[in-house]
Amino acid sequence: MANAFKSYTDTGIGTTEATVYTVPASTVAVVIGCNLANTTGDQITASVRLDKSVASGQDDVYIVRNIPIPNGSSFEFNAGNKIVMQTGDALKVISDTAASVDAVVSVLEQT
């Protein structure tokens, strides 16, 4: 099995859910961190959802929901905890404000 540390980013996330990371085929991923940065001049709220692949037969779940992020701040929701994702699973981010969140997801991919 090959291991690779990778990071994935998305900018200007707003009121439409954005897919920041999807686990590639024949891969298992361990999320080791996720940072959401407020890029506006006002407080916002953001949510991160784990969208399980249809093949898994499992429910989609929120990892964090409606977390307030003050002006000029960021939020790291996965500090110290790990989330295991299977092929086709995705991390999705949404905000209550248009073009307000930059996201970075750090993962260890095993192929």
N, C-alpha and C. Protein backbone atom coordinates (compact mmCIF):
# COMPACT_ATOMS: atom_id res chain seq x y z
N MET A 1 0.83 -1.18 0.00
CA MET A 1 0.00 0.00 0.00
C MET A 1 0.87 1.25 0.00
N ALA A 2 0.58 2.17 -0.90
CA ALA A 2 1.31 3.44 -0.94
C ALA A 2 0.57 4.49 -0.13
N ASN A 3 1.33 5.28 0.62
CA ASN A 3 0.77 6.36 1.42
C ASN A 3 1.25 7.69 0.86
N ALA A 4 0.34 8.67 0.80
CA ALA A 4 0.70 10.01 0.33
C ALA A 4 -0.07 11.05 1.11
N PHE A 5 0.66 12.02 1.69
CA PHE A 5 0.03 13.17 2.33
C PHE A 5 -0.32 14.18 1.26
N LYS A 6 -1.57 14.67 1.27
CA LYS A 6 -2.01 15.64 0.27
C LYS A 6 -2.90 16.69 0.92
N SER A 7 -3.02 17.84 0.25
CA SER A 7 -3.97 18.85 0.69
C SER A 7 -4.79 19.31 -0.51
N TYR A 8 -6.03 19.66 -0.24
CA TYR A 8 -6.97 20.10 -1.26
C TYR A 8 -7.60 21.40 -0.79
N THR A 9 -7.83 22.33 -1.72
CA THR A 9 -8.35 23.65 -1.36
C THR A 9 -9.54 24.03 -2.23
N ASP A 10 -10.32 24.96 -1.71
CA ASP A 10 -11.39 25.60 -2.47
C ASP A 10 -11.55 27.01 -1.90
N THR A 11 -11.80 27.98 -2.77
CA THR A 11 -11.92 29.37 -2.34
C THR A 11 -13.29 29.92 -2.68
N GLY A 12 -13.67 30.94 -1.93
CA GLY A 12 -14.91 31.65 -2.22
C GLY A 12 -16.16 30.82 -2.07
N ILE A 13 -16.14 29.86 -1.15
CA ILE A 13 -17.32 29.02 -0.91
C ILE A 13 -18.42 29.88 -0.30
N GLY A 14 -19.64 29.67 -0.76
CA GLY A 14 -20.76 30.49 -0.29
C GLY A 14 -21.98 29.66 0.04
N THR A 15 -23.12 30.11 -0.44
CA THR A 15 -24.40 29.54 -0.06
C THR A 15 -24.79 28.29 -0.87
N THR A 16 -23.96 27.90 -1.81
CA THR A 16 -24.14 26.64 -2.53
C THR A 16 -23.06 25.68 -2.05
N GLU A 17 -23.47 24.50 -1.64
CA GLU A 17 -22.53 23.52 -1.11
C GLU A 17 -21.43 23.22 -2.12
N ALA A 18 -20.17 23.26 -1.65
CA ALA A 18 -19.01 23.00 -2.50
C ALA A 18 -18.32 21.73 -2.06
N THR A 19 -17.93 20.90 -3.00
CA THR A 19 -17.17 19.69 -2.71
C THR A 19 -15.70 20.06 -2.68
N VAL A 20 -15.10 19.99 -1.49
CA VAL A 20 -13.69 20.34 -1.34
C VAL A 20 -12.80 19.14 -1.61
N TYR A 21 -13.28 17.94 -1.27
CA TYR A 21 -12.46 16.73 -1.47
C TYR A 21 -13.36 15.53 -1.71
N THR A 22 -12.97 14.71 -2.69
CA THR A 22 -13.61 13.42 -2.95
C THR A 22 -12.52 12.36 -3.00
N VAL A 23 -12.73 11.25 -2.30
CA VAL A 23 -11.75 10.17 -2.28
C VAL A 23 -11.70 9.51 -3.66
N PRO A 24 -10.50 9.44 -4.25
CA PRO A 24 -10.35 8.82 -5.57
C PRO A 24 -10.63 7.31 -5.54
N ALA A 25 -10.77 6.73 -6.74
CA ALA A 25 -10.99 5.29 -6.88
C ALA A 25 -9.84 4.50 -6.26
N SER A 26 -10.16 3.36 -5.71
CA SER A 26 -9.17 2.43 -5.13
C SER A 26 -8.32 3.09 -4.05
N THR A 27 -8.93 3.99 -3.29
CA THR A 27 -8.20 4.75 -2.27
C THR A 27 -9.02 4.82 -0.99
N VAL A 28 -8.32 4.77 0.14
CA VAL A 28 -8.89 5.08 1.44
C VAL A 28 -8.15 6.32 1.92
N ALA A 29 -8.88 7.26 2.52
CA ALA A 29 -8.25 8.50 2.97
C ALA A 29 -8.54 8.72 4.44
N VAL A 30 -7.56 9.29 5.13
CA VAL A 30 -7.73 9.69 6.52
C VAL A 30 -7.61 11.21 6.55
N VAL A 31 -8.69 11.87 6.95
CA VAL A 31 -8.67 13.33 7.07
C VAL A 31 -7.92 13.66 8.34
N ILE A 32 -6.84 14.43 8.21
CA ILE A 32 -6.03 14.78 9.37
C ILE A 32 -6.19 16.24 9.76
N GLY A 33 -6.92 17.00 8.94
CA GLY A 33 -7.19 18.39 9.28
C GLY A 33 -8.06 19.05 8.25
N CYS A 34 -8.83 20.04 8.70
CA CYS A 34 -9.65 20.84 7.81
C CYS A 34 -9.77 22.22 8.41
N ASN A 35 -9.43 23.23 7.62
CA ASN A 35 -9.47 24.61 8.10
C ASN A 35 -10.41 25.42 7.23
N LEU A 36 -11.30 26.17 7.89
CA LEU A 36 -12.22 27.06 7.20
C LEU A 36 -11.88 28.48 7.60
N ALA A 37 -11.59 29.35 6.62
CA ALA A 37 -11.23 30.74 6.89
C ALA A 37 -12.33 31.67 6.41
N ASN A 38 -12.74 32.58 7.29
CA ASN A 38 -13.72 33.60 6.95
C ASN A 38 -13.00 34.70 6.17
N THR A 39 -13.42 34.94 4.94
CA THR A 39 -12.75 35.94 4.10
C THR A 39 -13.56 37.24 3.98
N THR A 40 -14.58 37.38 4.82
CA THR A 40 -15.42 38.57 4.77
C THR A 40 -15.11 39.51 5.93
N GLY A 41 -15.80 40.62 5.97
CA GLY A 41 -15.65 41.58 7.07
C GLY A 41 -16.65 41.38 8.18
N ASP A 42 -17.48 40.33 8.09
CA ASP A 42 -18.52 40.07 9.09
C ASP A 42 -18.44 38.62 9.57
N GLN A 43 -19.10 38.33 10.68
CA GLN A 43 -19.18 36.95 11.15
C GLN A 43 -20.05 36.14 10.19
N ILE A 44 -19.67 34.90 9.98
CA ILE A 44 -20.44 33.97 9.15
C ILE A 44 -20.69 32.68 9.93
N THR A 45 -21.51 31.82 9.38
CA THR A 45 -21.62 30.45 9.90
C THR A 45 -21.36 29.49 8.74
N ALA A 46 -20.69 28.40 9.05
CA ALA A 46 -20.34 27.42 8.03
C ALA A 46 -20.60 26.01 8.54
N SER A 47 -20.78 25.10 7.59
CA SER A 47 -21.01 23.70 7.92
C SER A 47 -20.14 22.83 7.02
N VAL A 48 -19.75 21.66 7.57
CA VAL A 48 -19.00 20.66 6.81
C VAL A 48 -19.76 19.35 6.93
N ARG A 49 -19.99 18.72 5.77
CA ARG A 49 -20.76 17.49 5.74
C ARG A 49 -19.95 16.39 5.07
N LEU A 50 -20.02 15.19 5.65
CA LEU A 50 -19.44 14.00 5.05
C LEU A 50 -20.52 13.35 4.20
N ASP A 51 -20.32 13.37 2.90
CA ASP A 51 -21.25 12.80 1.94
C ASP A 51 -20.75 11.40 1.59
N LYS A 52 -21.37 10.38 2.17
CA LYS A 52 -20.95 9.00 1.94
C LYS A 52 -21.34 8.55 0.53
N SER A 53 -20.49 7.74 -0.08
CA SER A 53 -20.78 7.24 -1.42
C SER A 53 -22.03 6.38 -1.39
N VAL A 54 -22.74 6.38 -2.49
CA VAL A 54 -23.96 5.58 -2.59
C VAL A 54 -23.66 4.11 -2.34
N ALA A 55 -22.50 3.65 -2.82
CA ALA A 55 -22.13 2.25 -2.68
C ALA A 55 -21.99 1.81 -1.22
N SER A 56 -21.67 2.75 -0.33
CA SER A 56 -21.47 2.39 1.08
C SER A 56 -22.78 2.07 1.78
N GLY A 57 -23.89 2.64 1.29
CA GLY A 57 -25.18 2.42 1.93
C GLY A 57 -25.32 3.10 3.28
N GLN A 58 -24.40 4.00 3.60
CA GLN A 58 -24.43 4.70 4.89
C GLN A 58 -25.01 6.10 4.73
N ASP A 59 -25.44 6.67 5.85
CA ASP A 59 -26.03 8.00 5.84
C ASP A 59 -24.97 9.09 5.74
N ASP A 60 -25.33 10.19 5.08
CA ASP A 60 -24.49 11.39 5.09
C ASP A 60 -24.65 12.04 6.46
N VAL A 61 -23.56 12.65 6.98
CA VAL A 61 -23.61 13.26 8.31
C VAL A 61 -22.86 14.59 8.31
N TYR A 62 -23.29 15.47 9.20
CA TYR A 62 -22.55 16.71 9.43
C TYR A 62 -21.38 16.42 10.37
N ILE A 63 -20.24 16.96 10.04
CA ILE A 63 -19.09 16.90 10.93
C ILE A 63 -19.13 18.11 11.86
N VAL A 64 -19.50 19.24 11.29
CA VAL A 64 -19.74 20.46 12.07
C VAL A 64 -20.86 21.20 11.34
N ARG A 65 -21.79 21.77 12.12
CA ARG A 65 -22.95 22.42 11.50
C ARG A 65 -23.16 23.80 12.11
N ASN A 66 -23.27 24.78 11.23
CA ASN A 66 -23.55 26.17 11.62
C ASN A 66 -22.58 26.71 12.67
N ILE A 67 -21.30 26.44 12.47
CA ILE A 67 -20.28 26.95 13.39
C ILE A 67 -20.03 28.42 13.08
N PRO A 68 -20.10 29.30 14.09
CA PRO A 68 -19.82 30.71 13.83
C PRO A 68 -18.31 30.95 13.66
N ILE A 69 -17.96 31.71 12.63
CA ILE A 69 -16.57 32.07 12.39
C ILE A 69 -16.50 33.59 12.32
N PRO A 70 -15.91 34.23 13.33
CA PRO A 70 -15.85 35.69 13.36
C PRO A 70 -15.00 36.27 12.22
N ASN A 71 -15.21 37.54 11.96
CA ASN A 71 -14.43 38.29 10.97
C ASN A 71 -12.94 38.08 11.22
N GLY A 72 -12.21 37.77 10.16
CA GLY A 72 -10.76 37.64 10.27
C GLY A 72 -10.29 36.39 10.99
N SER A 73 -11.16 35.42 11.17
CA SER A 73 -10.80 34.21 11.91
C SER A 73 -10.93 32.97 11.03
N SER A 74 -10.43 31.87 11.58
CA SER A 74 -10.60 30.58 10.91
C SER A 74 -11.03 29.56 11.95
N PHE A 75 -11.46 28.42 11.48
CA PHE A 75 -11.91 27.35 12.36
C PHE A 75 -11.32 26.04 11.87
N GLU A 76 -10.60 25.33 12.74
CA GLU A 76 -10.09 24.01 12.42
C GLU A 76 -10.96 23.00 13.15
N PHE A 77 -11.76 22.26 12.37
CA PHE A 77 -12.73 21.38 13.03
C PHE A 77 -12.19 20.02 13.37
N ASN A 78 -11.05 19.63 12.85
CA ASN A 78 -10.61 18.25 13.02
C ASN A 78 -9.34 18.12 13.85
N ALA A 79 -9.04 19.11 14.67
CA ALA A 79 -7.80 19.10 15.45
C ALA A 79 -7.75 17.89 16.37
N GLY A 80 -6.78 17.00 16.15
CA GLY A 80 -6.58 15.86 17.03
C GLY A 80 -7.44 14.64 16.73
N ASN A 81 -8.45 14.78 15.87
CA ASN A 81 -9.32 13.65 15.53
C ASN A 81 -9.09 13.27 14.08
N LYS A 82 -9.37 12.03 13.75
CA LYS A 82 -9.22 11.55 12.38
C LYS A 82 -10.57 11.07 11.86
N ILE A 83 -10.79 11.23 10.58
CA ILE A 83 -11.99 10.73 9.93
C ILE A 83 -11.54 9.86 8.76
N VAL A 84 -12.00 8.62 8.74
CA VAL A 84 -11.65 7.70 7.67
C VAL A 84 -12.73 7.80 6.60
N MET A 85 -12.28 7.95 5.35
CA MET A 85 -13.19 8.06 4.21
C MET A 85 -12.86 6.97 3.20
N GLN A 86 -13.91 6.45 2.56
CA GLN A 86 -13.76 5.39 1.56
C GLN A 86 -13.88 5.97 0.16
N THR A 87 -13.54 5.18 -0.84
CA THR A 87 -13.66 5.59 -2.24
C THR A 87 -15.04 6.20 -2.50
N GLY A 88 -15.05 7.39 -3.11
CA GLY A 88 -16.29 8.05 -3.48
C GLY A 88 -16.89 8.95 -2.41
N ASP A 89 -16.43 8.83 -1.16
CA ASP A 89 -16.91 9.73 -0.11
C ASP A 89 -16.40 11.14 -0.39
N ALA A 90 -17.16 12.16 0.06
CA ALA A 90 -16.76 13.54 -0.21
C ALA A 90 -16.98 14.42 1.02
N LEU A 91 -16.12 15.44 1.16
CA LEU A 91 -16.31 16.49 2.17
C LEU A 91 -16.88 17.71 1.47
N LYS A 92 -17.99 18.22 2.00
CA LYS A 92 -18.67 19.35 1.39
C LYS A 92 -18.81 20.48 2.40
N VAL A 93 -18.63 21.71 1.92
CA VAL A 93 -18.66 22.89 2.78
C VAL A 93 -19.70 23.87 2.25
N ILE A 94 -20.40 24.55 3.17
CA ILE A 94 -21.37 25.57 2.80
C ILE A 94 -21.33 26.67 3.85
N SER A 95 -21.68 27.88 3.45
CA SER A 95 -21.71 29.03 4.35
C SER A 95 -23.07 29.72 4.23
N ASP A 96 -23.37 30.56 5.19
CA ASP A 96 -24.61 31.34 5.12
C ASP A 96 -24.41 32.65 4.34
N THR A 97 -23.19 32.89 3.86
CA THR A 97 -22.86 34.14 3.18
C THR A 97 -22.14 33.82 1.87
N ALA A 98 -22.50 34.54 0.82
CA ALA A 98 -21.89 34.31 -0.50
C ALA A 98 -20.39 34.55 -0.47
N ALA A 99 -19.64 33.71 -1.16
CA ALA A 99 -18.19 33.86 -1.37
C ALA A 99 -17.46 34.26 -0.08
N SER A 100 -17.62 33.47 0.98
CA SER A 100 -17.12 33.88 2.29
C SER A 100 -16.13 32.93 2.95
N VAL A 101 -15.91 31.74 2.39
CA VAL A 101 -15.07 30.76 3.06
C VAL A 101 -14.00 30.22 2.10
N ASP A 102 -12.76 30.18 2.60
CA ASP A 102 -11.69 29.43 1.95
C ASP A 102 -11.47 28.18 2.79
N ALA A 103 -11.32 27.03 2.14
CA ALA A 103 -11.17 25.77 2.87
C ALA A 103 -9.92 25.03 2.41
N VAL A 104 -9.27 24.37 3.37
CA VAL A 104 -8.17 23.46 3.05
C VAL A 104 -8.39 22.17 3.83
N VAL A 105 -8.27 21.06 3.13
CA VAL A 105 -8.43 19.73 3.73
C VAL A 105 -7.11 18.98 3.55
N SER A 106 -6.56 18.47 4.65
CA SER A 106 -5.34 17.68 4.61
C SER A 106 -5.69 16.23 4.84
N VAL A 107 -5.16 15.36 3.98
CA VAL A 107 -5.49 13.94 4.07
C VAL A 107 -4.23 13.08 3.88
N LEU A 108 -4.35 11.86 4.39
CA LEU A 108 -3.38 10.81 4.09
C LEU A 108 -4.14 9.82 3.21
N GLU A 109 -3.71 9.69 1.96
CA GLU A 109 -4.35 8.77 1.04
C GLU A 109 -3.56 7.46 0.98
N GLN A 110 -4.27 6.34 1.05
CA GLN A 110 -3.66 5.02 0.95
C GLN A 110 -4.23 4.34 -0.29
N THR A 111 -3.32 3.94 -1.19
CA THR A 111 -3.77 3.29 -2.42
C THR A 111 -3.17 1.89 -2.51
